[in-house]
Full PDB file with SEQRES, HELIX, SHEET, SSBOND, CRYST1, ORIGX, SCALE, CONECT and MASTER records, all heavy atoms in Angstrom:
SEQRES   1 A   33  HIS TRP CYS VAL VAL ALA TYR TRP GLU GLU LYS THR ARG          
SEQRES   2 A   33  VAL GLY ARG LEU TYR SER VAL GLN GLU PRO SER LEU ASP          
SEQRES   3 A   33  ILE PHE TYR ASP LEU PRO GLN                                  
SHEET    1 AA1 2 CYS A   3  GLU A   9  0                                        
SHEET    2 AA1 2 THR A  12  VAL A  20 -1                                        
CRYST1    1.000    1.000    1.000  90.00  90.00  90.00 P 1           1          
ORIGX1      1.000000  0.000000  0.000000        0.00000                         
ORIGX2      0.000000  1.000000  0.000000        0.00000                         
ORIGX3      0.000000  0.000000  1.000000        0.00000                         
SCALE1      1.000000  0.000000  0.000000        0.00000                         
SCALE2      0.000000  1.000000  0.000000        0.00000                         
SCALE3      0.000000  0.000000  1.000000        0.00000                         
ATOM      1  N   HIS A   1      -3.956 -13.297   2.355  1.00  0.00           N  
ATOM      2  CA  HIS A   1      -3.505 -12.277   1.406  1.00  0.00           C  
ATOM      3  C   HIS A   1      -2.572 -12.884   0.359  1.00  0.00           C  
ATOM      4  O   HIS A   1      -1.961 -13.925   0.601  1.00  0.00           O  
ATOM      5  CB  HIS A   1      -2.771 -11.165   2.155  1.00  0.00           C  
ATOM      6  CG  HIS A   1      -1.517 -11.637   2.819  1.00  0.00           C  
ATOM      7  ND1 HIS A   1      -1.529 -12.320   4.019  1.00  0.00           N  
ATOM      8  CD2 HIS A   1      -0.218 -11.568   2.435  1.00  0.00           C  
ATOM      9  CE1 HIS A   1      -0.292 -12.636   4.347  1.00  0.00           C  
ATOM     10  NE2 HIS A   1       0.523 -12.199   3.405  1.00  0.00           N  
ATOM     11  N   TRP A   2      -2.466 -12.230  -0.803  1.00  0.00           N  
ATOM     12  CA  TRP A   2      -1.509 -12.691  -1.811  1.00  0.00           C  
ATOM     13  C   TRP A   2      -0.252 -11.832  -1.823  1.00  0.00           C  
ATOM     14  O   TRP A   2       0.782 -12.211  -2.340  1.00  0.00           O  
ATOM     15  CB  TRP A   2      -2.124 -12.810  -3.197  1.00  0.00           C  
ATOM     16  CG  TRP A   2      -2.688 -11.554  -3.789  1.00  0.00           C  
ATOM     17  CD1 TRP A   2      -3.963 -11.105  -3.653  1.00  0.00           C  
ATOM     18  CD2 TRP A   2      -2.015 -10.608  -4.630  1.00  0.00           C  
ATOM     19  NE1 TRP A   2      -4.123  -9.919  -4.349  1.00  0.00           N  
ATOM     20  CE2 TRP A   2      -2.938  -9.598  -4.955  1.00  0.00           C  
ATOM     21  CE3 TRP A   2      -0.722 -10.516  -5.127  1.00  0.00           C  
ATOM     22  CZ2 TRP A   2      -2.610  -8.496  -5.760  1.00  0.00           C  
ATOM     23  CZ3 TRP A   2      -0.399  -9.433  -5.937  1.00  0.00           C  
ATOM     24  CH2 TRP A   2      -1.342  -8.446  -6.242  1.00  0.00           C  
ATOM     25  N   CYS A   3      -0.369 -10.623  -1.211  1.00  0.00           N  
ATOM     26  CA  CYS A   3       0.822  -9.796  -1.037  1.00  0.00           C  
ATOM     27  C   CYS A   3       0.598  -8.787   0.079  1.00  0.00           C  
ATOM     28  O   CYS A   3      -0.537  -8.558   0.508  1.00  0.00           O  
ATOM     29  CB  CYS A   3       1.243  -9.105  -2.333  1.00  0.00           C  
ATOM     30  SG  CYS A   3       0.296  -7.637  -2.776  1.00  0.00           S  
ATOM     31  N   VAL A   4       1.693  -8.231   0.533  1.00  0.00           N  
ATOM     32  CA  VAL A   4       1.674  -7.180   1.548  1.00  0.00           C  
ATOM     33  C   VAL A   4       2.492  -6.035   0.975  1.00  0.00           C  
ATOM     34  O   VAL A   4       3.534  -6.251   0.345  1.00  0.00           O  
ATOM     35  CB  VAL A   4       2.305  -7.687   2.866  1.00  0.00           C  
ATOM     36  CG1 VAL A   4       2.447  -6.559   3.862  1.00  0.00           C  
ATOM     37  CG2 VAL A   4       1.475  -8.805   3.447  1.00  0.00           C  
ATOM     38  N   VAL A   5       2.012  -4.788   1.165  1.00  0.00           N  
ATOM     39  CA  VAL A   5       2.698  -3.618   0.619  1.00  0.00           C  
ATOM     40  C   VAL A   5       3.160  -2.720   1.760  1.00  0.00           C  
ATOM     41  O   VAL A   5       2.394  -2.435   2.686  1.00  0.00           O  
ATOM     42  CB  VAL A   5       1.758  -2.822  -0.320  1.00  0.00           C  
ATOM     43  CG1 VAL A   5       2.469  -1.599  -0.894  1.00  0.00           C  
ATOM     44  CG2 VAL A   5       1.235  -3.705  -1.444  1.00  0.00           C  
ATOM     45  N   ALA A   6       4.416  -2.279   1.666  1.00  0.00           N  
ATOM     46  CA  ALA A   6       4.949  -1.303   2.619  1.00  0.00           C  
ATOM     47  C   ALA A   6       5.322  -0.061   1.826  1.00  0.00           C  
ATOM     48  O   ALA A   6       5.906  -0.149   0.741  1.00  0.00           O  
ATOM     49  CB  ALA A   6       6.178  -1.861   3.328  1.00  0.00           C  
ATOM     50  N   TYR A   7       4.964   1.118   2.356  1.00  0.00           N  
ATOM     51  CA  TYR A   7       5.322   2.388   1.716  1.00  0.00           C  
ATOM     52  C   TYR A   7       6.480   3.012   2.493  1.00  0.00           C  
ATOM     53  O   TYR A   7       6.445   3.068   3.723  1.00  0.00           O  
ATOM     54  CB  TYR A   7       4.117   3.331   1.696  1.00  0.00           C  
ATOM     55  CG  TYR A   7       4.463   4.737   1.272  1.00  0.00           C  
ATOM     56  CD1 TYR A   7       4.916   5.006  -0.018  1.00  0.00           C  
ATOM     57  CD2 TYR A   7       4.358   5.808   2.165  1.00  0.00           C  
ATOM     58  CE1 TYR A   7       5.245   6.292  -0.408  1.00  0.00           C  
ATOM     59  CE2 TYR A   7       4.679   7.102   1.778  1.00  0.00           C  
ATOM     60  CZ  TYR A   7       5.133   7.338   0.494  1.00  0.00           C  
ATOM     61  OH  TYR A   7       5.467   8.614   0.114  1.00  0.00           O  
ATOM     62  N   TRP A   8       7.497   3.467   1.761  1.00  0.00           N  
ATOM     63  CA  TRP A   8       8.699   4.041   2.367  1.00  0.00           C  
ATOM     64  C   TRP A   8       8.968   5.435   1.823  1.00  0.00           C  
ATOM     65  O   TRP A   8       8.698   5.720   0.654  1.00  0.00           O  
ATOM     66  CB  TRP A   8       9.917   3.176   2.034  1.00  0.00           C  
ATOM     67  CG  TRP A   8       9.895   1.800   2.602  1.00  0.00           C  
ATOM     68  CD1 TRP A   8       9.165   0.738   2.140  1.00  0.00           C  
ATOM     69  CD2 TRP A   8      10.628   1.320   3.723  1.00  0.00           C  
ATOM     70  NE1 TRP A   8       9.421  -0.375   2.914  1.00  0.00           N  
ATOM     71  CE2 TRP A   8      10.313  -0.045   3.890  1.00  0.00           C  
ATOM     72  CE3 TRP A   8      11.541   1.919   4.608  1.00  0.00           C  
ATOM     73  CZ2 TRP A   8      10.874  -0.822   4.897  1.00  0.00           C  
ATOM     74  CZ3 TRP A   8      12.100   1.132   5.602  1.00  0.00           C  
ATOM     75  CH2 TRP A   8      11.758  -0.212   5.748  1.00  0.00           C  
ATOM     76  N   GLU A   9       9.523   6.271   2.657  1.00  0.00           N  
ATOM     77  CA  GLU A   9      10.089   7.551   2.234  1.00  0.00           C  
ATOM     78  C   GLU A   9      11.541   7.519   2.669  1.00  0.00           C  
ATOM     79  O   GLU A   9      11.835   7.488   3.874  1.00  0.00           O  
ATOM     80  CB  GLU A   9       9.333   8.718   2.872  1.00  0.00           C  
ATOM     81  CG  GLU A   9       7.944   8.846   2.273  1.00  0.00           C  
ATOM     82  CD  GLU A   9       7.082   9.936   2.887  1.00  0.00           C  
ATOM     83  OE1 GLU A   9       7.512  10.580   3.865  1.00  0.00           O  
ATOM     84  OE2 GLU A   9       5.969  10.123   2.382  1.00  0.00           O  
ATOM     85  N   GLU A  10      12.424   7.424   1.674  1.00  0.00           N  
ATOM     86  CA  GLU A  10      13.844   7.217   1.912  1.00  0.00           C  
ATOM     87  C   GLU A  10      14.024   5.987   2.798  1.00  0.00           C  
ATOM     88  O   GLU A  10      13.588   4.911   2.434  1.00  0.00           O  
ATOM     89  CB  GLU A  10      14.483   8.496   2.467  1.00  0.00           C  
ATOM     90  CG  GLU A  10      14.432   9.620   1.423  1.00  0.00           C  
ATOM     91  CD  GLU A  10      14.633  11.020   1.950  1.00  0.00           C  
ATOM     92  OE1 GLU A  10      14.348  11.269   3.150  1.00  0.00           O  
ATOM     93  OE2 GLU A  10      15.073  11.875   1.159  1.00  0.00           O  
ATOM     94  N   LYS A  11      14.641   6.127   3.976  1.00  0.00           N  
ATOM     95  CA  LYS A  11      14.918   4.946   4.820  1.00  0.00           C  
ATOM     96  C   LYS A  11      13.834   4.666   5.864  1.00  0.00           C  
ATOM     97  O   LYS A  11      14.001   3.806   6.717  1.00  0.00           O  
ATOM     98  CB  LYS A  11      16.258   5.138   5.540  1.00  0.00           C  
ATOM     99  CG  LYS A  11      17.461   5.115   4.626  1.00  0.00           C  
ATOM    100  CD  LYS A  11      18.746   5.357   5.403  1.00  0.00           C  
ATOM    101  CE  LYS A  11      19.961   5.272   4.533  1.00  0.00           C  
ATOM    102  NZ  LYS A  11      20.093   6.369   3.581  1.00  0.00           N  
ATOM    103  N   THR A  12      12.726   5.404   5.800  1.00  0.00           N  
ATOM    104  CA  THR A  12      11.692   5.275   6.830  1.00  0.00           C  
ATOM    105  C   THR A  12      10.398   4.690   6.268  1.00  0.00           C  
ATOM    106  O   THR A  12       9.852   5.224   5.300  1.00  0.00           O  
ATOM    107  CB  THR A  12      11.380   6.670   7.442  1.00  0.00           C  
ATOM    108  OG1 THR A  12      12.600   7.246   7.890  1.00  0.00           O  
ATOM    109  CG2 THR A  12      10.400   6.557   8.586  1.00  0.00           C  
ATOM    110  N   ARG A  13       9.910   3.625   6.902  1.00  0.00           N  
ATOM    111  CA  ARG A  13       8.613   3.095   6.494  1.00  0.00           C  
ATOM    112  C   ARG A  13       7.541   4.000   7.073  1.00  0.00           C  
ATOM    113  O   ARG A  13       7.578   4.369   8.242  1.00  0.00           O  
ATOM    114  CB  ARG A  13       8.414   1.656   6.985  1.00  0.00           C  
ATOM    115  CG  ARG A  13       7.202   1.033   6.281  1.00  0.00           C  
ATOM    116  CD  ARG A  13       6.972  -0.391   6.642  1.00  0.00           C  
ATOM    117  NE  ARG A  13       6.089  -0.436   7.795  1.00  0.00           N  
ATOM    118  CZ  ARG A  13       6.067  -1.406   8.676  1.00  0.00           C  
ATOM    119  NH1 ARG A  13       6.901  -2.404   8.585  1.00  0.00           N  
ATOM    120  NH2 ARG A  13       5.240  -1.382   9.686  1.00  0.00           N  
ATOM    121  N   VAL A  14       6.563   4.350   6.235  1.00  0.00           N  
ATOM    122  CA  VAL A  14       5.482   5.242   6.639  1.00  0.00           C  
ATOM    123  C   VAL A  14       4.195   4.432   6.684  1.00  0.00           C  
ATOM    124  O   VAL A  14       3.818   3.788   5.711  1.00  0.00           O  
ATOM    125  CB  VAL A  14       5.346   6.429   5.647  1.00  0.00           C  
ATOM    126  CG1 VAL A  14       4.202   7.338   6.052  1.00  0.00           C  
ATOM    127  CG2 VAL A  14       6.657   7.211   5.563  1.00  0.00           C  
ATOM    128  N   GLY A  15       3.515   4.451   7.814  1.00  0.00           N  
ATOM    129  CA  GLY A  15       2.275   3.699   7.950  1.00  0.00           C  
ATOM    130  C   GLY A  15       2.553   2.236   8.224  1.00  0.00           C  
ATOM    131  O   GLY A  15       3.692   1.805   8.393  1.00  0.00           O  
ATOM    132  N   ARG A  16       1.482   1.472   8.263  1.00  0.00           N  
ATOM    133  CA  ARG A  16       1.580   0.052   8.550  1.00  0.00           C  
ATOM    134  C   ARG A  16       1.594  -0.756   7.262  1.00  0.00           C  
ATOM    135  O   ARG A  16       1.369  -0.229   6.190  1.00  0.00           O  
ATOM    136  CB  ARG A  16       0.407  -0.347   9.442  1.00  0.00           C  
ATOM    137  CG  ARG A  16       0.549   0.313  10.819  1.00  0.00           C  
ATOM    138  CD  ARG A  16      -0.702   0.334  11.655  1.00  0.00           C  
ATOM    139  NE  ARG A  16      -1.291  -0.966  11.899  1.00  0.00           N  
ATOM    140  CZ  ARG A  16      -2.533  -1.108  12.363  1.00  0.00           C  
ATOM    141  NH1 ARG A  16      -3.271  -0.062  12.626  1.00  0.00           N  
ATOM    142  NH2 ARG A  16      -3.032  -2.302  12.564  1.00  0.00           N  
ATOM    143  N   LEU A  17       1.834  -2.050   7.380  1.00  0.00           N  
ATOM    144  CA  LEU A  17       1.800  -2.937   6.214  1.00  0.00           C  
ATOM    145  C   LEU A  17       0.365  -3.043   5.708  1.00  0.00           C  
ATOM    146  O   LEU A  17      -0.571  -3.131   6.502  1.00  0.00           O  
ATOM    147  CB  LEU A  17       2.314  -4.327   6.585  1.00  0.00           C  
ATOM    148  CG  LEU A  17       3.774  -4.417   7.000  1.00  0.00           C  
ATOM    149  CD1 LEU A  17       4.113  -5.828   7.450  1.00  0.00           C  
ATOM    150  CD2 LEU A  17       4.688  -3.988   5.867  1.00  0.00           C  
ATOM    151  N   TYR A  18       0.200  -3.015   4.402  1.00  0.00           N  
ATOM    152  CA  TYR A  18      -1.120  -3.096   3.779  1.00  0.00           C  
ATOM    153  C   TYR A  18      -1.268  -4.484   3.168  1.00  0.00           C  
ATOM    154  O   TYR A  18      -0.536  -4.853   2.257  1.00  0.00           O  
ATOM    155  CB  TYR A  18      -1.253  -2.010   2.709  1.00  0.00           C  
ATOM    156  CG  TYR A  18      -2.647  -1.837   2.177  1.00  0.00           C  
ATOM    157  CD1 TYR A  18      -3.529  -0.953   2.776  1.00  0.00           C  
ATOM    158  CD2 TYR A  18      -3.081  -2.554   1.068  1.00  0.00           C  
ATOM    159  CE1 TYR A  18      -4.814  -0.781   2.285  1.00  0.00           C  
ATOM    160  CE2 TYR A  18      -4.365  -2.396   0.570  1.00  0.00           C  
ATOM    161  CZ  TYR A  18      -5.224  -1.508   1.183  1.00  0.00           C  
ATOM    162  OH  TYR A  18      -6.496  -1.351   0.703  1.00  0.00           O  
ATOM    163  N   SER A  19      -2.205  -5.253   3.670  1.00  0.00           N  
ATOM    164  CA  SER A  19      -2.419  -6.623   3.219  1.00  0.00           C  
ATOM    165  C   SER A  19      -3.443  -6.636   2.082  1.00  0.00           C  
ATOM    166  O   SER A  19      -4.462  -5.973   2.153  1.00  0.00           O  
ATOM    167  CB  SER A  19      -2.939  -7.439   4.411  1.00  0.00           C  
ATOM    168  OG  SER A  19      -3.215  -8.745   4.020  1.00  0.00           O  
ATOM    169  N   VAL A  20      -3.152  -7.407   1.024  1.00  0.00           N  
ATOM    170  CA  VAL A  20      -3.999  -7.395  -0.163  1.00  0.00           C  
ATOM    171  C   VAL A  20      -4.662  -8.763  -0.387  1.00  0.00           C  
ATOM    172  O   VAL A  20      -3.977  -9.761  -0.578  1.00  0.00           O  
ATOM    173  CB  VAL A  20      -3.178  -7.018  -1.421  1.00  0.00           C  
ATOM    174  CG1 VAL A  20      -4.084  -6.904  -2.640  1.00  0.00           C  
ATOM    175  CG2 VAL A  20      -2.417  -5.730  -1.192  1.00  0.00           C  
ATOM    176  N   GLN A  21      -6.003  -8.771  -0.351  1.00  0.00           N  
ATOM    177  CA  GLN A  21      -6.762  -9.993  -0.630  1.00  0.00           C  
ATOM    178  C   GLN A  21      -7.409  -9.945  -2.013  1.00  0.00           C  
ATOM    179  O   GLN A  21      -7.567 -10.957  -2.660  1.00  0.00           O  
ATOM    180  CB  GLN A  21      -7.871 -10.191   0.421  1.00  0.00           C  
ATOM    181  CG  GLN A  21      -7.384 -10.689   1.764  1.00  0.00           C  
ATOM    182  CD  GLN A  21      -7.010  -9.575   2.719  1.00  0.00           C  
ATOM    183  OE1 GLN A  21      -7.455  -8.447   2.591  1.00  0.00           O  
ATOM    184  NE2 GLN A  21      -6.175  -9.885   3.684  1.00  0.00           N  
ATOM    185  N   GLU A  22      -7.825  -8.752  -2.435  1.00  0.00           N  
ATOM    186  CA  GLU A  22      -8.502  -8.593  -3.733  1.00  0.00           C  
ATOM    187  C   GLU A  22      -7.525  -8.875  -4.873  1.00  0.00           C  
ATOM    188  O   GLU A  22      -6.328  -8.688  -4.708  1.00  0.00           O  
ATOM    189  CB  GLU A  22      -9.048  -7.167  -3.869  1.00  0.00           C  
ATOM    190  CG  GLU A  22     -10.071  -6.791  -2.811  1.00  0.00           C  
ATOM    191  CD  GLU A  22     -11.323  -7.650  -2.870  1.00  0.00           C  
ATOM    192  OE1 GLU A  22     -11.812  -7.890  -3.989  1.00  0.00           O  
ATOM    193  OE2 GLU A  22     -11.796  -8.075  -1.809  1.00  0.00           O  
ATOM    194  N   PRO A  23      -8.028  -9.277  -6.060  1.00  0.00           N  
ATOM    195  CA  PRO A  23      -7.122  -9.585  -7.179  1.00  0.00           C  
ATOM    196  C   PRO A  23      -6.359  -8.368  -7.711  1.00  0.00           C  
ATOM    197  O   PRO A  23      -5.336  -8.519  -8.350  1.00  0.00           O  
ATOM    198  CB  PRO A  23      -8.034 -10.148  -8.263  1.00  0.00           C  
ATOM    199  CG  PRO A  23      -9.413 -10.154  -7.725  1.00  0.00           C  
ATOM    200  CD  PRO A  23      -9.421  -9.591  -6.352  1.00  0.00           C  
ATOM    201  N   SER A  24      -6.859  -7.151  -7.451  1.00  0.00           N  
ATOM    202  CA  SER A  24      -6.082  -5.985  -7.879  1.00  0.00           C  
ATOM    203  C   SER A  24      -6.161  -4.894  -6.809  1.00  0.00           C  
ATOM    204  O   SER A  24      -7.097  -4.848  -6.013  1.00  0.00           O  
ATOM    205  CB  SER A  24      -6.550  -5.460  -9.234  1.00  0.00           C  
ATOM    206  OG  SER A  24      -7.709  -4.694  -9.104  1.00  0.00           O  
ATOM    207  N   LEU A  25      -5.141  -4.055  -6.805  1.00  0.00           N  
ATOM    208  CA  LEU A  25      -5.041  -2.981  -5.818  1.00  0.00           C  
ATOM    209  C   LEU A  25      -4.555  -1.719  -6.484  1.00  0.00           C  
ATOM    210  O   LEU A  25      -3.552  -1.736  -7.204  1.00  0.00           O  
ATOM    211  CB  LEU A  25      -4.057  -3.375  -4.703  1.00  0.00           C  
ATOM    212  CG  LEU A  25      -3.691  -2.254  -3.720  1.00  0.00           C  
ATOM    213  CD1 LEU A  25      -4.888  -1.887  -2.843  1.00  0.00           C  
ATOM    214  CD2 LEU A  25      -2.498  -2.643  -2.869  1.00  0.00           C  
ATOM    215  N   ASP A  26      -5.261  -0.621  -6.246  1.00  0.00           N  
ATOM    216  CA  ASP A  26      -4.794   0.690  -6.686  1.00  0.00           C  
ATOM    217  C   ASP A  26      -4.021   1.310  -5.542  1.00  0.00           C  
ATOM    218  O   ASP A  26      -4.487   1.322  -4.392  1.00  0.00           O  
ATOM    219  CB  ASP A  26      -5.982   1.591  -7.041  1.00  0.00           C  
ATOM    220  CG  ASP A  26      -6.709   1.120  -8.294  1.00  0.00           C  
ATOM    221  OD1 ASP A  26      -6.034   0.597  -9.200  1.00  0.00           O  
ATOM    222  OD2 ASP A  26      -7.938   1.269  -8.365  1.00  0.00           O  
ATOM    223  N   ILE A  27      -2.820   1.810  -5.842  1.00  0.00           N  
ATOM    224  CA  ILE A  27      -1.993   2.510  -4.860  1.00  0.00           C  
ATOM    225  C   ILE A  27      -1.785   3.903  -5.428  1.00  0.00           C  
ATOM    226  O   ILE A  27      -1.217   4.060  -6.504  1.00  0.00           O  
ATOM    227  CB  ILE A  27      -0.644   1.806  -4.652  1.00  0.00           C  
ATOM    228  CG1 ILE A  27      -0.861   0.356  -4.209  1.00  0.00           C  
ATOM    229  CG2 ILE A  27       0.209   2.562  -3.634  1.00  0.00           C  
ATOM    230  CD1 ILE A  27       0.404  -0.484  -4.162  1.00  0.00           C  
ATOM    231  N   PHE A  28      -2.279   4.917  -4.718  1.00  0.00           N  
ATOM    232  CA  PHE A  28      -2.288   6.268  -5.272  1.00  0.00           C  
ATOM    233  C   PHE A  28      -2.053   7.282  -4.168  1.00  0.00           C  
ATOM    234  O   PHE A  28      -2.106   6.949  -2.981  1.00  0.00           O  
ATOM    235  CB  PHE A  28      -3.632   6.546  -5.963  1.00  0.00           C  
ATOM    236  CG  PHE A  28      -4.812   6.168  -5.100  1.00  0.00           C  
ATOM    237  CD1 PHE A  28      -5.351   7.058  -4.192  1.00  0.00           C  
ATOM    238  CD2 PHE A  28      -5.371   4.895  -5.191  1.00  0.00           C  
ATOM    239  CE1 PHE A  28      -6.418   6.705  -3.394  1.00  0.00           C  
ATOM    240  CE2 PHE A  28      -6.437   4.530  -4.386  1.00  0.00           C  
ATOM    241  CZ  PHE A  28      -6.961   5.435  -3.486  1.00  0.00           C  
ATOM    242  N   TYR A  29      -1.805   8.531  -4.577  1.00  0.00           N  
ATOM    243  CA  TYR A  29      -1.587   9.565  -3.579  1.00  0.00           C  
ATOM    244  C   TYR A  29      -2.910  10.188  -3.160  1.00  0.00           C  
ATOM    245  O   TYR A  29      -3.218  10.301  -1.999  1.00  0.00           O  
ATOM    246  CB  TYR A  29      -0.623  10.641  -4.078  1.00  0.00           C  
ATOM    247  CG  TYR A  29      -0.334  11.637  -2.975  1.00  0.00           C  
ATOM    248  CD1 TYR A  29       0.499  11.279  -1.914  1.00  0.00           C  
ATOM    249  CD2 TYR A  29      -0.921  12.890  -2.961  1.00  0.00           C  
ATOM    250  CE1 TYR A  29       0.732  12.153  -0.873  1.00  0.00           C  
ATOM    251  CE2 TYR A  29      -0.690  13.769  -1.924  1.00  0.00           C  
ATOM    252  CZ  TYR A  29       0.141  13.405  -0.882  1.00  0.00           C  
ATOM    253  OH  TYR A  29       0.361  14.265   0.144  1.00  0.00           O  
ATOM    254  N   ASP A  30      -3.687  10.578  -4.144  1.00  0.00           N  
ATOM    255  CA  ASP A  30      -4.934  11.246  -3.833  1.00  0.00           C  
ATOM    256  C   ASP A  30      -5.888  11.014  -4.995  1.00  0.00           C  
ATOM    257  O   ASP A  30      -5.578  11.345  -6.122  1.00  0.00           O  
ATOM    258  CB  ASP A  30      -4.676  12.744  -3.660  1.00  0.00           C  
ATOM    259  CG  ASP A  30      -5.817  13.439  -2.938  1.00  0.00           C  
ATOM    260  OD1 ASP A  30      -6.696  12.733  -2.410  1.00  0.00           O  
ATOM    261  OD2 ASP A  30      -5.826  14.676  -2.901  1.00  0.00           O  
ATOM    262  N   LEU A  31      -7.029  10.427  -4.715  1.00  0.00           N  
ATOM    263  CA  LEU A  31      -7.987  10.110  -5.753  1.00  0.00           C  
ATOM    264  C   LEU A  31      -9.367  10.404  -5.179  1.00  0.00           C  
ATOM    265  O   LEU A  31      -9.738   9.833  -4.164  1.00  0.00           O  
ATOM    266  CB  LEU A  31      -7.839   8.619  -6.088  1.00  0.00           C  
ATOM    267  CG  LEU A  31      -8.248   8.095  -7.443  1.00  0.00           C  
ATOM    268  CD1 LEU A  31      -7.516   8.800  -8.555  1.00  0.00           C  
ATOM    269  CD2 LEU A  31      -7.964   6.604  -7.522  1.00  0.00           C  
ATOM    270  N   PRO A  32     -10.133  11.311  -5.778  1.00  0.00           N  
ATOM    271  CA  PRO A  32     -11.418  11.703  -5.199  1.00  0.00           C  
ATOM    272  C   PRO A  32     -12.332  10.528  -4.846  1.00  0.00           C  
ATOM    273  O   PRO A  32     -12.814  10.439  -3.740  1.00  0.00           O  
ATOM    274  CB  PRO A  32     -12.050  12.583  -6.262  1.00  0.00           C  
ATOM    275  CG  PRO A  32     -10.934  13.006  -7.146  1.00  0.00           C  
ATOM    276  CD  PRO A  32      -9.862  11.969  -7.039  1.00  0.00           C  
ATOM    277  N   GLN A  33     -12.544   9.608  -5.766  1.00  0.00           N  
ATOM    278  CA  GLN A  33     -13.397   8.456  -5.485  1.00  0.00           C  
ATOM    279  C   GLN A  33     -12.556   7.186  -5.415  1.00  0.00           C  
ATOM    280  O   GLN A  33     -12.995   6.127  -5.787  1.00  0.00           O  
ATOM    281  CB  GLN A  33     -14.471   8.288  -6.570  1.00  0.00           C  
ATOM    282  CG  GLN A  33     -15.824   8.863  -6.207  1.00  0.00           C  
ATOM    283  CD  GLN A  33     -15.809  10.366  -6.063  1.00  0.00           C  
ATOM    284  OE1 GLN A  33     -15.358  11.074  -6.950  1.00  0.00           O  
ATOM    285  NE2 GLN A  33     -16.297  10.861  -4.944  1.00  0.00           N  
TER     286      GLN A  33                                                      
MASTER        0    0    0    0    2    0    0    6  285    1    0    3          
END                                                                             
């Protein structure tokens, strides 16, 4: 991977670490496709 992403709400990490291999990553709340 070239980076790892962690999502937080205030002081709490939500979910697991997201590892990124692709050259770009979309991070969104809700996207139909």
